[in-house]
Amino acid sequence: MIRVLVVDDEALIRMGFRHILDAADDIEVVEAVPGGQAVRAVRELDPDVVLLDIRMPDVDGLTVLADLRRLPRPPVVAMLTTFSMDEYVATALRSGAAGFLLKDTDPDQLPHLVRALAGGGVVLSSKVTHTVVDGYLRNGPQEPAARSIDRLSERERTVLVLISEGLSNNDISRRMHLSIGTVKDHVSALLTKLGVGSRVQAALLAERAGLLRPPGHPEGG
């Protein structure tokens, strides 16, 4: 069972996410709280995944994210936002968020995205724009992305592409017929070579380097 905490200042949003996720057999919303109660709820309930509003009137979502990342056993945190371009998104990604979702995400997709988060996958809303990617990278690694990617072995590049598609280590293990330990070694090596601290940051570099097809790009190129 995947244990989820929903953190949002709007009661209607909290109720909606709880209703959608509790309908899944393998997901339990352990609590849905406003921002000021988030850290206490995580300490008491130990959720696997936190869906955290990036903008709240009682407390800044980025402050909550930083507090959660300092916990001895930090949960996976994905930021919730109303806008496909939010000036806080780049900061959230650099601060260790596992991705971000728009609040109008298709309800049928929400449980799948939570499962991906729980499995260590990268989750970025389908409406993520190149502006978001560029905004992150503008203040991120200064070395050209393509040059960073050149440091990777062929197998590490393959792992990077699969990470960028949202696959967890288990998924990559099955896809590439490798052991989990080997996949973890490749992930650790490619993060070090790219000079980034998270899978999301690595995925954004892959996007910038042109390893991934842009959203809406036809299959045939």
C-alpha atoms as a PDB file:
ATOM      1  CA  MET A   1       0.000   0.000   0.000  1.00  0.00           C
ATOM      2  CA  ILE A   2       1.372   3.408  -1.010  1.00  0.00           C
ATOM      3  CA  ARG A   3       0.783   5.925   1.774  1.00  0.00           C
ATOM      4  CA  VAL A   4       0.126   9.462   0.546  1.00  0.00           C
ATOM      5  CA  LEU A   5      -0.148  12.799   2.332  1.00  0.00           C
ATOM      6  CA  VAL A   6      -1.897  15.642   0.495  1.00  0.00           C
ATOM      7  CA  VAL A   7      -0.900  19.178   1.537  1.00  0.00           C
ATOM      8  CA  ASP A   8      -2.929  22.077   0.153  1.00  0.00           C
ATOM      9  CA  ASP A   9      -4.487  25.234   1.542  1.00  0.00           C
ATOM     10  CA  GLU A  10      -7.812  24.598  -0.230  1.00  0.00           C
ATOM     11  CA  ALA A  11     -10.120  22.076   1.437  1.00  0.00           C
ATOM     12  CA  LEU A  12     -11.805  21.310  -1.876  1.00  0.00           C
ATOM     13  CA  ILE A  13      -8.485  20.335  -3.473  1.00  0.00           C
ATOM     14  CA  ARG A  14      -7.598  18.152  -0.497  1.00  0.00           C
ATOM     15  CA  MET A  15     -10.957  16.388  -0.636  1.00  0.00           C
ATOM     16  CA  GLY A  16     -10.738  15.901  -4.394  1.00  0.00           C
ATOM     17  CA  PHE A  17      -7.271  14.344  -4.303  1.00  0.00           C
ATOM     18  CA  ARG A  18      -8.264  12.127  -1.376  1.00  0.00           C
ATOM     19  CA  HIS A  19     -11.385  10.915  -3.187  1.00  0.00           C
ATOM     20  CA  ILE A  20      -9.476  10.106  -6.391  1.00  0.00           C
ATOM     21  CA  LEU A  21      -6.521   8.372  -4.748  1.00  0.00           C
ATOM     22  CA  ASP A  22      -8.483   6.425  -2.125  1.00  0.00           C
ATOM     23  CA  ALA A  23     -10.407   4.796  -4.978  1.00  0.00           C
ATOM     24  CA  ALA A  24      -7.195   2.980  -6.003  1.00  0.00           C
ATOM     25  CA  ASP A  25      -6.713  -0.408  -4.365  1.00  0.00           C
ATOM     26  CA  ASP A  26      -3.001   0.129  -3.684  1.00  0.00           C
ATOM     27  CA  ILE A  27      -3.056   3.762  -2.472  1.00  0.00           C
ATOM     28  CA  GLU A  28      -4.114   5.141   0.901  1.00  0.00           C
ATOM     29  CA  VAL A  29      -4.351   8.853   1.660  1.00  0.00           C
ATOM     30  CA  VAL A  30      -3.231   8.869   5.285  1.00  0.00           C
ATOM     31  CA  GLU A  31      -4.149  12.535   5.769  1.00  0.00           C
ATOM     32  CA  ALA A  32      -4.934  15.718   3.838  1.00  0.00           C
ATOM     33  CA  VAL A  33      -3.800  18.871   5.642  1.00  0.00           C
ATOM     34  CA  PRO A  34      -3.028  22.584   5.130  1.00  0.00           C
ATOM     35  CA  GLY A  35       0.598  23.630   4.872  1.00  0.00           C
ATOM     36  CA  GLY A  36       1.144  24.517   8.493  1.00  0.00           C
ATOM     37  CA  GLN A  37       0.426  20.936   9.549  1.00  0.00           C
ATOM     38  CA  ALA A  38       2.557  19.226   6.896  1.00  0.00           C
ATOM     39  CA  VAL A  39       5.794  18.562   8.796  1.00  0.00           C
ATOM     40  CA  ARG A  40       3.966  17.313  11.889  1.00  0.00           C
ATOM     41  CA  ALA A  41       1.816  15.014   9.751  1.00  0.00           C
ATOM     42  CA  VAL A  42       4.862  13.563   8.001  1.00  0.00           C
ATOM     43  CA  ARG A  43       6.621  12.945  11.313  1.00  0.00           C
ATOM     44  CA  GLU A  44       3.565  11.214  12.773  1.00  0.00           C
ATOM     45  CA  LEU A  45       2.270   9.304   9.745  1.00  0.00           C
ATOM     46  CA  ASP A  46       5.463   8.527   7.771  1.00  0.00           C
ATOM     47  CA  PRO A  47       3.914   8.700   4.261  1.00  0.00           C
ATOM     48  CA  ASP A  48       5.725   7.371   1.209  1.00  0.00           C
ATOM     49  CA  VAL A  49       4.658  10.243  -1.029  1.00  0.00           C
ATOM     50  CA  VAL A  50       3.698  13.854  -0.284  1.00  0.00           C
ATOM     51  CA  LEU A  51       1.765  15.947  -2.791  1.00  0.00           C
ATOM     52  CA  LEU A  52       2.607  19.494  -1.711  1.00  0.00           C
ATOM     53  CA  ASP A  53       1.021  22.743  -2.878  1.00  0.00           C
ATOM     54  CA  ILE A  54       3.785  25.066  -4.029  1.00  0.00           C
ATOM     55  CA  ARG A  55       1.885  28.245  -3.056  1.00  0.00           C
ATOM     56  CA  MET A  56      -0.021  28.458   0.226  1.00  0.00           C
ATOM     57  CA  PRO A  57      -1.058  31.501   2.288  1.00  0.00           C
ATOM     58  CA  ASP A  58      -0.176  30.052   5.689  1.00  0.00           C
ATOM     59  CA  VAL A  59       3.293  28.756   4.803  1.00  0.00           C
ATOM     60  CA  ASP A  60       5.510  28.773   1.712  1.00  0.00           C
ATOM     61  CA  GLY A  61       5.523  25.383  -0.021  1.00  0.00           C
ATOM     62  CA  LEU A  62       9.249  25.693  -0.705  1.00  0.00           C
ATOM     63  CA  THR A  63       9.875  26.155   3.024  1.00  0.00           C
ATOM     64  CA  VAL A  64       7.852  23.018   3.754  1.00  0.00           C
ATOM     65  CA  LEU A  65       9.825  21.141   1.083  1.00  0.00           C
ATOM     66  CA  ALA A  66      13.115  22.184   2.673  1.00  0.00           C
ATOM     67  CA  ASP A  67      11.871  21.093   6.116  1.00  0.00           C
ATOM     68  CA  LEU A  68      10.769  17.712   4.769  1.00  0.00           C
ATOM     69  CA  ARG A  69      14.078  17.141   2.988  1.00  0.00           C
ATOM     70  CA  ARG A  70      15.893  17.595   6.318  1.00  0.00           C
ATOM     71  CA  LEU A  71      13.951  14.802   8.038  1.00  0.00           C
ATOM     72  CA  PRO A  72      15.847  11.569   8.809  1.00  0.00           C
ATOM     73  CA  ARG A  73      13.511   9.662   6.451  1.00  0.00           C
ATOM     74  CA  PRO A  74      12.236  12.223   3.955  1.00  0.00           C
ATOM     75  CA  PRO A  75       9.284  11.174   1.807  1.00  0.00           C
ATOM     76  CA  VAL A  76       9.141  11.571  -1.945  1.00  0.00           C
ATOM     77  CA  VAL A  77       7.694  15.032  -2.585  1.00  0.00           C
ATOM     78  CA  ALA A  78       5.947  16.255  -5.735  1.00  0.00           C
ATOM     79  CA  MET A  79       4.801  19.851  -5.946  1.00  0.00           C
ATOM     80  CA  LEU A  80       1.252  20.827  -6.900  1.00  0.00           C
ATOM     81  CA  THR A  81       0.649  24.001  -8.869  1.00  0.00           C
ATOM     82  CA  THR A  82      -2.147  25.666 -10.799  1.00  0.00           C
ATOM     83  CA  PHE A  83       0.086  27.011 -13.540  1.00  0.00           C
ATOM     84  CA  SER A  84       2.195  25.242 -16.142  1.00  0.00           C
ATOM     85  CA  MET A  85       4.736  28.030 -15.695  1.00  0.00           C
ATOM     86  CA  ASP A  86       5.308  28.866 -12.057  1.00  0.00           C
ATOM     87  CA  GLU A  87       8.364  30.862 -11.042  1.00  0.00           C
ATOM     88  CA  TYR A  88       8.776  28.598  -8.016  1.00  0.00           C
ATOM     89  CA  VAL A  89       9.011  25.387 -10.028  1.00  0.00           C
ATOM     90  CA  ALA A  90      12.709  25.695 -10.882  1.00  0.00           C
ATOM     91  CA  THR A  91      13.569  26.375  -7.237  1.00  0.00           C
ATOM     92  CA  ALA A  92      11.505  23.369  -6.137  1.00  0.00           C
ATOM     93  CA  LEU A  93      13.321  21.087  -8.570  1.00  0.00           C
ATOM     94  CA  ARG A  94      16.717  22.320  -7.395  1.00  0.00           C
ATOM     95  CA  SER A  95      15.586  21.808  -3.789  1.00  0.00           C
ATOM     96  CA  GLY A  96      14.910  18.112  -4.246  1.00  0.00           C
ATOM     97  CA  ALA A  97      11.295  17.836  -5.410  1.00  0.00           C
ATOM     98  CA  ALA A  98      10.676  14.625  -7.345  1.00  0.00           C
ATOM     99  CA  GLY A  99       8.596  16.492  -9.902  1.00  0.00           C
ATOM    100  CA  PHE A 100       5.508  18.595 -10.157  1.00  0.00           C
ATOM    101  CA  LEU A 101       1.873  18.134 -11.145  1.00  0.00           C
ATOM    102  CA  LEU A 102      -0.763  20.574 -12.241  1.00  0.00           C
ATOM    103  CA  LYS A 103      -3.867  20.562 -10.085  1.00  0.00           C
ATOM    104  CA  ASP A 104      -5.958  19.908 -13.194  1.00  0.00           C
ATOM    105  CA  THR A 105      -4.107  16.660 -13.923  1.00  0.00           C
ATOM    106  CA  ASP A 106      -6.433  14.068 -15.445  1.00  0.00           C
ATOM    107  CA  PRO A 107      -7.950  12.190 -12.467  1.00  0.00           C
ATOM    108  CA  ASP A 108      -7.423   8.865 -14.261  1.00  0.00           C
ATOM    109  CA  GLN A 109      -3.686   9.592 -14.462  1.00  0.00           C
ATOM    110  CA  LEU A 110      -3.201  10.658 -10.857  1.00  0.00           C
ATOM    111  CA  PRO A 111      -2.890   7.150  -9.309  1.00  0.00           C
ATOM    112  CA  HIS A 112      -0.380   6.167 -12.017  1.00  0.00           C
ATOM    113  CA  LEU A 113       1.713   9.245 -11.269  1.00  0.00           C
ATOM    114  CA  VAL A 114       1.677   8.503  -7.541  1.00  0.00           C
ATOM    115  CA  ARG A 115       2.811   4.933  -8.229  1.00  0.00           C
ATOM    116  CA  ALA A 116       5.663   6.276 -10.353  1.00  0.00           C
ATOM    117  CA  LEU A 117       6.706   8.617  -7.549  1.00  0.00           C
ATOM    118  CA  ALA A 118       6.610   5.813  -4.979  1.00  0.00           C
ATOM    119  CA  GLY A 119       8.756   3.667  -7.267  1.00  0.00           C
ATOM    120  CA  GLY A 120      11.431   6.337  -7.601  1.00  0.00           C
ATOM    121  CA  GLY A 121      10.333   7.565 -11.012  1.00  0.00           C
ATOM    122  CA  VAL A 122      10.456  11.101 -12.347  1.00  0.00           C
ATOM    123  CA  VAL A 123       7.039  12.759 -12.632  1.00  0.00           C
ATOM    124  CA  LEU A 124       6.595  15.966 -14.597  1.00  0.00           C
ATOM    125  CA  SER A 125       3.193  17.138 -15.785  1.00  0.00           C
ATOM    126  CA  SER A 126       2.577  16.627 -19.499  1.00  0.00           C
ATOM    127  CA  LYS A 127       2.107  20.399 -19.680  1.00  0.00           C
ATOM    128  CA  VAL A 128       5.680  21.101 -18.610  1.00  0.00           C
ATOM    129  CA  THR A 129       6.955  23.634 -21.124  1.00  0.00           C
ATOM    130  CA  HIS A 130      10.441  24.279 -22.451  1.00  0.00           C
ATOM    131  CA  THR A 131      10.242  27.533 -20.513  1.00  0.00           C
ATOM    132  CA  VAL A 132      10.213  25.516 -17.289  1.00  0.00           C
ATOM    133  CA  VAL A 133      13.190  23.465 -18.442  1.00  0.00           C
ATOM    134  CA  ASP A 134      15.117  26.539 -19.538  1.00  0.00           C
ATOM    135  CA  GLY A 135      14.209  28.375 -16.338  1.00  0.00           C
ATOM    136  CA  TYR A 136      15.650  25.562 -14.270  1.00  0.00           C
ATOM    137  CA  LEU A 137      18.801  25.179 -16.286  1.00  0.00           C
ATOM    138  CA  ARG A 138      19.482  28.903 -16.571  1.00  0.00           C
ATOM    139  CA  ASN A 139      20.459  28.927 -12.909  1.00  0.00           C
ATOM    140  CA  GLY A 140      21.562  25.301 -12.790  1.00  0.00           C
ATOM    141  CA  PRO A 141      24.664  23.597 -14.190  1.00  0.00           C
ATOM    142  CA  GLN A 142      26.641  26.085 -16.284  1.00  0.00           C
ATOM    143  CA  GLU A 143      28.294  23.534 -18.535  1.00  0.00           C
ATOM    144  CA  PRO A 144      26.443  22.917 -21.817  1.00  0.00           C
ATOM    145  CA  ALA A 145      24.113  19.960 -21.380  1.00  0.00           C
ATOM    146  CA  ALA A 146      25.396  18.121 -24.445  1.00  0.00           C
ATOM    147  CA  ARG A 147      28.951  18.211 -23.091  1.00  0.00           C
ATOM    148  CA  SER A 148      27.794  16.744 -19.773  1.00  0.00           C
ATOM    149  CA  ILE A 149      25.916  13.984 -21.568  1.00  0.00           C
ATOM    150  CA  ASP A 150      29.076  13.129 -23.540  1.00  0.00           C
ATOM    151  CA  ARG A 151      30.670  11.948 -20.285  1.00  0.00           C
ATOM    152  CA  LEU A 152      28.160   9.105 -20.009  1.00  0.00           C
ATOM    153  CA  SER A 153      28.695   5.581 -21.261  1.00  0.00           C
ATOM    154  CA  GLU A 154      26.195   4.194 -23.766  1.00  0.00           C
ATOM    155  CA  ARG A 155      24.475   2.184 -21.044  1.00  0.00           C
ATOM    156  CA  GLU A 156      24.319   5.197 -18.724  1.00  0.00           C
ATOM    157  CA  ARG A 157      22.694   7.188 -21.534  1.00  0.00           C
ATOM    158  CA  THR A 158      20.080   4.476 -21.925  1.00  0.00           C
ATOM    159  CA  VAL A 159      19.392   4.560 -18.183  1.00  0.00           C
ATOM    160  CA  LEU A 160      19.134   8.362 -18.332  1.00  0.00           C
ATOM    161  CA  VAL A 161      16.545   8.225 -21.118  1.00  0.00           C
ATOM    162  CA  LEU A 162      14.479   5.694 -19.158  1.00  0.00           C
ATOM    163  CA  ILE A 163      14.715   7.848 -16.020  1.00  0.00           C
ATOM    164  CA  SER A 164      13.493  10.774 -18.093  1.00  0.00           C
ATOM    165  CA  GLU A 165      10.515   8.707 -19.240  1.00  0.00           C
ATOM    166  CA  GLY A 166       9.531   8.303 -15.591  1.00  0.00           C
ATOM    167  CA  LEU A 167      10.677   4.721 -15.065  1.00  0.00           C
ATOM    168  CA  SER A 168      11.644   3.559 -11.589  1.00  0.00           C
ATOM    169  CA  ASN A 169      14.751   1.479 -10.868  1.00  0.00           C
ATOM    170  CA  ASN A 170      12.601  -1.665 -10.901  1.00  0.00           C
ATOM    171  CA  ASP A 171      11.152  -0.721 -14.292  1.00  0.00           C
ATOM    172  CA  ILE A 172      14.616  -0.017 -15.701  1.00  0.00           C
ATOM    173  CA  SER A 173      15.878  -3.312 -14.288  1.00  0.00           C
ATOM    174  CA  ARG A 174      13.176  -5.221 -16.151  1.00  0.00           C
ATOM    175  CA  ARG A 175      13.522  -3.202 -19.349  1.00  0.00           C
ATOM    176  CA  MET A 176      17.315  -3.598 -19.556  1.00  0.00           C
ATOM    177  CA  HIS A 177      17.516  -7.076 -17.985  1.00  0.00           C
ATOM    178  CA  LEU A 178      19.873  -5.818 -15.279  1.00  0.00           C
ATOM    179  CA  SER A 179      19.920  -6.371 -11.534  1.00  0.00           C
ATOM    180  CA  ILE A 180      18.528  -3.643  -9.286  1.00  0.00           C
ATOM    181  CA  GLY A 181      22.005  -3.159  -7.826  1.00  0.00           C
ATOM    182  CA  THR A 182      23.495  -2.593 -11.270  1.00  0.00           C
ATOM    183  CA  VAL A 183      20.788  -0.078 -12.146  1.00  0.00           C
ATOM    184  CA  LYS A 184      21.417   1.814  -8.902  1.00  0.00           C
ATOM    185  CA  ASP A 185      25.142   1.884  -9.691  1.00  0.00           C
ATOM    186  CA  HIS A 186      24.439   3.321 -13.149  1.00  0.00           C
ATOM    187  CA  VAL A 187      22.070   5.949 -11.720  1.00  0.00           C
ATOM    188  CA  SER A 188      24.611   6.989  -9.100  1.00  0.00           C
ATOM    189  CA  ALA A 189      27.381   7.183 -11.713  1.00  0.00           C
ATOM    190  CA  LEU A 190      25.385   9.259 -14.185  1.00  0.00           C
ATOM    191  CA  LEU A 191      24.227  11.717 -11.496  1.00  0.00           C
ATOM    192  CA  THR A 192      27.869  12.212 -10.482  1.00  0.00           C
ATOM    193  CA  LYS A 193      29.061  12.653 -14.064  1.00  0.00           C
ATOM    194  CA  LEU A 194      26.274  15.132 -14.825  1.00  0.00           C
ATOM    195  CA  GLY A 195      26.938  17.064 -11.613  1.00  0.00           C
ATOM    196  CA  VAL A 196      23.305  16.959 -10.475  1.00  0.00           C
ATOM    197  CA  GLY A 197      21.681  15.816  -7.252  1.00  0.00           C
ATOM    198  CA  SER A 198      18.446  14.195  -8.379  1.00  0.00           C
ATOM    199  CA  ARG A 199      16.789  12.167 -11.115  1.00  0.00           C
ATOM    200  CA  VAL A 200      14.571  15.120 -12.029  1.00  0.00           C
ATOM    201  CA  GLN A 201      17.588  17.357 -12.590  1.00  0.00           C
ATOM    202  CA  ALA A 202      19.175  14.638 -14.731  1.00  0.00           C
ATOM    203  CA  ALA A 203      15.965  14.341 -16.765  1.00  0.00           C
ATOM    204  CA  LEU A 204      15.925  18.080 -17.411  1.00  0.00           C
ATOM    205  CA  LEU A 205      19.522  17.956 -18.625  1.00  0.00           C
ATOM    206  CA  ALA A 206      18.555  15.106 -20.968  1.00  0.00           C
ATOM    207  CA  GLU A 207      15.732  17.276 -22.310  1.00  0.00           C
ATOM    208  CA  ARG A 208      18.090  20.220 -22.815  1.00  0.00           C
ATOM    209  CA  ALA A 209      20.660  18.005 -24.581  1.00  0.00           C
ATOM    210  CA  GLY A 210      18.039  16.791 -27.045  1.00  0.00           C
ATOM    211  CA  LEU A 211      17.978  13.151 -25.916  1.00  0.00           C
ATOM    212  CA  LEU A 212      14.194  13.267 -25.579  1.00  0.00           C
ATOM    213  CA  ARG A 213      11.471  14.060 -28.071  1.00  0.00           C
ATOM    214  CA  PRO A 214       9.759  17.353 -27.227  1.00  0.00           C
ATOM    215  CA  PRO A 215       6.110  17.086 -26.107  1.00  0.00           C
ATOM    216  CA  GLY A 216       3.845  16.813 -29.133  1.00  0.00           C
ATOM    217  CA  HIS A 217       6.733  15.945 -31.500  1.00  0.00           C
ATOM    218  CA  PRO A 218       5.586  13.395 -34.094  1.00  0.00           C
ATOM    219  CA  GLU A 219       6.921   9.875 -33.790  1.00  0.00           C
ATOM    220  CA  GLY A 220       8.421   9.949 -37.229  1.00  0.00           C
ATOM    221  CA  GLY A 221      10.533  13.070 -36.532  1.00  0.00           C
END
